[in-house]
Amino acid sequence: LTTEWAYAQTYRSEAERAGTYQHWLHHYNHHRPHTGIGGMTPIDRLRVHNLPVKNM
């Protein structure tokens, strides 16, 4: 979280940094492959296990 979002770039304020969090979180869960789960995204992994997916 800190290396990929919070400190990955310079922000002018904490408010500016916080304003980018939801977009980053969506990318992290829906679009970024995770090696720990076989290159799938967390949302895809939930679908494989037939778990309900909220906030899509």
PDB file of N, CA and C in Angstrom:
ATOM      1  N   LEU A   1       0.825  -1.189   0.000  1.00  0.00           N
ATOM      2  CA  LEU A   1       0.000   0.000   0.000  1.00  0.00           C
ATOM      3  C   LEU A   1       0.868   1.252   0.000  1.00  0.00           C
ATOM      4  N   THR A   2       1.865   1.286   0.839  1.00  0.00           N
ATOM      5  CA  THR A   2       2.676   2.502   0.901  1.00  0.00           C
ATOM      6  C   THR A   2       3.530   2.685  -0.347  1.00  0.00           C
ATOM      7  N   THR A   3       4.122   1.620  -0.854  1.00  0.00           N
ATOM      8  CA  THR A   3       4.994   1.775  -2.018  1.00  0.00           C
ATOM      9  C   THR A   3       4.222   1.899  -3.318  1.00  0.00           C
ATOM     10  N   GLU A   4       3.039   1.304  -3.406  1.00  0.00           N
ATOM     11  CA  GLU A   4       2.276   1.363  -4.647  1.00  0.00           C
ATOM     12  C   GLU A   4       1.298   2.529  -4.712  1.00  0.00           C
ATOM     13  N   TRP A   5       0.932   3.082  -3.575  1.00  0.00           N
ATOM     14  CA  TRP A   5      -0.022   4.190  -3.593  1.00  0.00           C
ATOM     15  C   TRP A   5       0.440   5.384  -2.765  1.00  0.00           C
ATOM     16  N   ALA A   6       0.542   5.226  -1.486  1.00  0.00           N
ATOM     17  CA  ALA A   6       0.742   6.368  -0.590  1.00  0.00           C
ATOM     18  C   ALA A   6       2.018   7.153  -0.885  1.00  0.00           C
ATOM     19  N   TYR A   7       3.103   6.460  -1.199  1.00  0.00           N
ATOM     20  CA  TYR A   7       4.372   7.144  -1.434  1.00  0.00           C
ATOM     21  C   TYR A   7       4.917   6.892  -2.833  1.00  0.00           C
ATOM     22  N   ALA A   8       4.079   6.433  -3.740  1.00  0.00           N
ATOM     23  CA  ALA A   8       4.523   6.151  -5.103  1.00  0.00           C
ATOM     24  C   ALA A   8       4.782   7.423  -5.898  1.00  0.00           C
ATOM     25  N   GLN A   9       4.174   8.502  -5.497  1.00  0.00           N
ATOM     26  CA  GLN A   9       4.404   9.793  -6.146  1.00  0.00           C
ATOM     27  C   GLN A   9       4.275  10.895  -5.109  1.00  0.00           C
ATOM     28  N   THR A  10       4.641  12.082  -5.486  1.00  0.00           N
ATOM     29  CA  THR A  10       4.580  13.214  -4.573  1.00  0.00           C
ATOM     30  C   THR A  10       3.215  13.883  -4.675  1.00  0.00           C
ATOM     31  N   TYR A  11       2.603  14.135  -3.547  1.00  0.00           N
ATOM     32  CA  TYR A  11       1.324  14.832  -3.477  1.00  0.00           C
ATOM     33  C   TYR A  11       1.536  16.167  -2.779  1.00  0.00           C
ATOM     34  N   ARG A  12       0.744  17.160  -3.139  1.00  0.00           N
ATOM     35  CA  ARG A  12       0.876  18.489  -2.534  1.00  0.00           C
ATOM     36  C   ARG A  12       0.279  18.541  -1.134  1.00  0.00           C
ATOM     37  N   SER A  13      -0.626  17.609  -0.825  1.00  0.00           N
ATOM     38  CA  SER A  13      -1.243  17.601   0.503  1.00  0.00           C
ATOM     39  C   SER A  13      -1.779  16.205   0.801  1.00  0.00           C
ATOM     40  N   GLU A  14      -2.085  15.973   2.054  1.00  0.00           N
ATOM     41  CA  GLU A  14      -2.690  14.706   2.451  1.00  0.00           C
ATOM     42  C   GLU A  14      -4.070  14.571   1.833  1.00  0.00           C
ATOM     43  N   ALA A  15      -4.788  15.672   1.682  1.00  0.00           N
ATOM     44  CA  ALA A  15      -6.110  15.637   1.049  1.00  0.00           C
ATOM     45  C   ALA A  15      -6.002  15.198  -0.411  1.00  0.00           C
ATOM     46  N   GLU A  16      -4.995  15.680  -1.107  1.00  0.00           N
ATOM     47  CA  GLU A  16      -4.793  15.263  -2.495  1.00  0.00           C
ATOM     48  C   GLU A  16      -4.483  13.769  -2.558  1.00  0.00           C
ATOM     49  N   ARG A  17      -3.624  13.294  -1.671  1.00  0.00           N
ATOM     50  CA  ARG A  17      -3.290  11.867  -1.617  1.00  0.00           C
ATOM     51  C   ARG A  17      -4.554  11.050  -1.337  1.00  0.00           C
ATOM     52  N   ALA A  18      -5.333  11.444  -0.359  1.00  0.00           N
ATOM     53  CA  ALA A  18      -6.551  10.717  -0.003  1.00  0.00           C
ATOM     54  C   ALA A  18      -7.550  10.706  -1.157  1.00  0.00           C
ATOM     55  N   GLY A  19      -7.558  11.765  -1.953  1.00  0.00           N
ATOM     56  CA  GLY A  19      -8.469  11.837  -3.082  1.00  0.00           C
ATOM     57  C   GLY A  19      -8.166  10.837  -4.183  1.00  0.00           C
ATOM     58  N   THR A  20      -6.977  10.282  -4.183  1.00  0.00           N
ATOM     59  CA  THR A  20      -6.606   9.292  -5.204  1.00  0.00           C
ATOM     60  C   THR A  20      -6.836   7.861  -4.739  1.00  0.00           C
ATOM     61  N   TYR A  21      -7.157   7.665  -3.486  1.00  0.00           N
ATOM     62  CA  TYR A  21      -7.219   6.315  -2.913  1.00  0.00           C
ATOM     63  C   TYR A  21      -8.282   5.432  -3.553  1.00  0.00           C
ATOM     64  N   GLN A  22      -9.488   5.910  -3.726  1.00  0.00           N
ATOM     65  CA  GLN A  22     -10.557   5.068  -4.270  1.00  0.00           C
ATOM     66  C   GLN A  22     -10.227   4.588  -5.680  1.00  0.00           C
ATOM     67  N   HIS A  23      -9.667   5.464  -6.500  1.00  0.00           N
ATOM     68  CA  HIS A  23      -9.271   5.072  -7.855  1.00  0.00           C
ATOM     69  C   HIS A  23      -8.187   3.996  -7.798  1.00  0.00           C
ATOM     70  N   TRP A  24      -7.182   4.194  -6.950  1.00  0.00           N
ATOM     71  CA  TRP A  24      -6.105   3.221  -6.815  1.00  0.00           C
ATOM     72  C   TRP A  24      -6.641   1.888  -6.301  1.00  0.00           C
ATOM     73  N   LEU A  25      -7.513   1.925  -5.320  1.00  0.00           N
ATOM     74  CA  LEU A  25      -8.066   0.709  -4.754  1.00  0.00           C
ATOM     75  C   LEU A  25      -8.860  -0.079  -5.797  1.00  0.00           C
ATOM     76  N   HIS A  26      -9.624   0.614  -6.622  1.00  0.00           N
ATOM     77  CA  HIS A  26     -10.353  -0.048  -7.697  1.00  0.00           C
ATOM     78  C   HIS A  26      -9.367  -0.723  -8.656  1.00  0.00           C
ATOM     79  N   HIS A  27      -8.334  -0.018  -9.052  1.00  0.00           N
ATOM     80  CA  HIS A  27      -7.326  -0.596  -9.945  1.00  0.00           C
ATOM     81  C   HIS A  27      -6.684  -1.823  -9.302  1.00  0.00           C
ATOM     82  N   TYR A  28      -6.320  -1.708  -8.050  1.00  0.00           N
ATOM     83  CA  TYR A  28      -5.651  -2.793  -7.332  1.00  0.00           C
ATOM     84  C   TYR A  28      -6.515  -4.048  -7.273  1.00  0.00           C
ATOM     85  N   ASN A  29      -7.797  -3.900  -7.037  1.00  0.00           N
ATOM     86  CA  ASN A  29      -8.682  -5.050  -6.879  1.00  0.00           C
ATOM     87  C   ASN A  29      -9.285  -5.580  -8.178  1.00  0.00           C
ATOM     88  N   HIS A  30      -9.432  -4.718  -9.187  1.00  0.00           N
ATOM     89  CA  HIS A  30     -10.122  -5.112 -10.410  1.00  0.00           C
ATOM     90  C   HIS A  30      -9.214  -5.304 -11.620  1.00  0.00           C
ATOM     91  N   HIS A  31      -8.036  -4.690 -11.627  1.00  0.00           N
ATOM     92  CA  HIS A  31      -7.221  -4.691 -12.842  1.00  0.00           C
ATOM     93  C   HIS A  31      -5.787  -5.171 -12.645  1.00  0.00           C
ATOM     94  N   ARG A  32      -5.252  -5.100 -11.462  1.00  0.00           N
ATOM     95  CA  ARG A  32      -3.852  -5.453 -11.222  1.00  0.00           C
ATOM     96  C   ARG A  32      -3.726  -6.938 -10.901  1.00  0.00           C
ATOM     97  N   PRO A  33      -2.990  -7.689 -11.735  1.00  0.00           N
ATOM     98  CA  PRO A  33      -2.779  -9.110 -11.433  1.00  0.00           C
ATOM     99  C   PRO A  33      -1.934  -9.278 -10.163  1.00  0.00           C
ATOM    100  N   HIS A  34      -2.251 -10.285  -9.385  1.00  0.00           N
ATOM    101  CA  HIS A  34      -1.534 -10.571  -8.142  1.00  0.00           C
ATOM    102  C   HIS A  34      -0.847 -11.931  -8.287  1.00  0.00           C
ATOM    103  N   THR A  35       0.454 -11.953  -8.131  1.00  0.00           N
ATOM    104  CA  THR A  35       1.183 -13.211  -8.291  1.00  0.00           C
ATOM    105  C   THR A  35       0.806 -14.227  -7.219  1.00  0.00           C
ATOM    106  N   GLY A  36       0.446 -13.773  -6.050  1.00  0.00           N
ATOM    107  CA  GLY A  36       0.096 -14.680  -4.958  1.00  0.00           C
ATOM    108  C   GLY A  36      -1.176 -15.476  -5.200  1.00  0.00           C
ATOM    109  N   ILE A  37      -1.977 -15.050  -6.163  1.00  0.00           N
ATOM    110  CA  ILE A  37      -3.207 -15.786  -6.493  1.00  0.00           C
ATOM    111  C   ILE A  37      -3.209 -16.161  -7.975  1.00  0.00           C
ATOM    112  N   GLY A  38      -2.019 -16.515  -8.449  1.00  0.00           N
ATOM    113  CA  GLY A  38      -1.894 -17.050  -9.796  1.00  0.00           C
ATOM    114  C   GLY A  38      -2.094 -16.048 -10.914  1.00  0.00           C
ATOM    115  N   GLY A  39      -1.790 -14.795 -10.684  1.00  0.00           N
ATOM    116  CA  GLY A  39      -1.923 -13.780 -11.713  1.00  0.00           C
ATOM    117  C   GLY A  39      -3.334 -13.257 -11.901  1.00  0.00           C
ATOM    118  N   MET A  40      -4.237 -13.672 -11.048  1.00  0.00           N
ATOM    119  CA  MET A  40      -5.617 -13.189 -11.124  1.00  0.00           C
ATOM    120  C   MET A  40      -5.745 -11.884 -10.352  1.00  0.00           C
ATOM    121  N   THR A  41      -6.833 -11.172 -10.603  1.00  0.00           N
ATOM    122  CA  THR A  41      -7.152 -10.024  -9.766  1.00  0.00           C
ATOM    123  C   THR A  41      -7.975 -10.541  -8.586  1.00  0.00           C
ATOM    124  N   PRO A  42      -8.009  -9.826  -7.481  1.00  0.00           N
ATOM    125  CA  PRO A  42      -8.830 -10.279  -6.356  1.00  0.00           C
ATOM    126  C   PRO A  42     -10.304 -10.469  -6.731  1.00  0.00           C
ATOM    127  N   ILE A  43     -10.850  -9.603  -7.567  1.00  0.00           N
ATOM    128  CA  ILE A  43     -12.252  -9.735  -7.961  1.00  0.00           C
ATOM    129  C   ILE A  43     -12.455 -11.006  -8.787  1.00  0.00           C
ATOM    130  N   ASP A  44     -11.537 -11.293  -9.706  1.00  0.00           N
ATOM    131  CA  ASP A  44     -11.650 -12.523 -10.489  1.00  0.00           C
ATOM    132  C   ASP A  44     -11.558 -13.753  -9.598  1.00  0.00           C
ATOM    133  N   ARG A  45     -10.718 -13.693  -8.593  1.00  0.00           N
ATOM    134  CA  ARG A  45     -10.586 -14.833  -7.678  1.00  0.00           C
ATOM    135  C   ARG A  45     -11.891 -15.074  -6.919  1.00  0.00           C
ATOM    136  N   LEU A  46     -12.546 -13.996  -6.521  1.00  0.00           N
ATOM    137  CA  LEU A  46     -13.834 -14.149  -5.843  1.00  0.00           C
ATOM    138  C   LEU A  46     -14.854 -14.816  -6.764  1.00  0.00           C
ATOM    139  N   ARG A  47     -14.853 -14.418  -8.026  1.00  0.00           N
ATOM    140  CA  ARG A  47     -15.795 -15.013  -8.983  1.00  0.00           C
ATOM    141  C   ARG A  47     -15.540 -16.505  -9.160  1.00  0.00           C
ATOM    142  N   VAL A  48     -14.284 -16.909  -9.184  1.00  0.00           N
ATOM    143  CA  VAL A  48     -13.932 -18.324  -9.341  1.00  0.00           C
ATOM    144  C   VAL A  48     -14.503 -19.146  -8.194  1.00  0.00           C
ATOM    145  N   HIS A  49     -14.500 -18.582  -7.012  1.00  0.00           N
ATOM    146  CA  HIS A  49     -14.991 -19.292  -5.826  1.00  0.00           C
ATOM    147  C   HIS A  49     -16.467 -19.012  -5.558  1.00  0.00           C
ATOM    148  N   ASN A  50     -17.144 -18.396  -6.536  1.00  0.00           N
ATOM    149  CA  ASN A  50     -18.581 -18.142  -6.468  1.00  0.00           C
ATOM    150  C   ASN A  50     -18.997 -17.338  -5.234  1.00  0.00           C
ATOM    151  N   LEU A  51     -18.171 -16.428  -4.817  1.00  0.00           N
ATOM    152  CA  LEU A  51     -18.524 -15.553  -3.720  1.00  0.00           C
ATOM    153  C   LEU A  51     -19.212 -14.324  -4.278  1.00  0.00           C
ATOM    154  N   PRO A  52     -20.174 -13.761  -3.574  1.00  0.00           N
ATOM    155  CA  PRO A  52     -20.828 -12.550  -4.074  1.00  0.00           C
ATOM    156  C   PRO A  52     -19.825 -11.405  -4.142  1.00  0.00           C
ATOM    157  N   VAL A  53     -19.849 -10.666  -5.233  1.00  0.00           N
ATOM    158  CA  VAL A  53     -18.937  -9.546  -5.429  1.00  0.00           C
ATOM    159  C   VAL A  53     -19.743  -8.264  -5.330  1.00  0.00           C
ATOM    160  N   LYS A  54     -19.393  -7.424  -4.378  1.00  0.00           N
ATOM    161  CA  LYS A  54     -20.084  -6.158  -4.173  1.00  0.00           C
ATOM    162  C   LYS A  54     -19.294  -5.019  -4.807  1.00  0.00           C
ATOM    163  N   ASN A  55     -19.959  -3.929  -5.055  1.00  0.00           N
ATOM    164  CA  ASN A  55     -19.334  -2.696  -5.538  1.00  0.00           C
ATOM    165  C   ASN A  55     -18.610  -2.871  -6.851  1.00  0.00           C
ATOM    166  N   MET A  56     -19.190  -3.575  -7.754  1.00  0.00           N
ATOM    167  CA  MET A  56     -18.553  -3.746  -9.058  1.00  0.00           C
ATOM    168  C   MET A  56     -18.953  -2.594  -9.875  1.00  0.00           C
TER     169      MET A  56
END
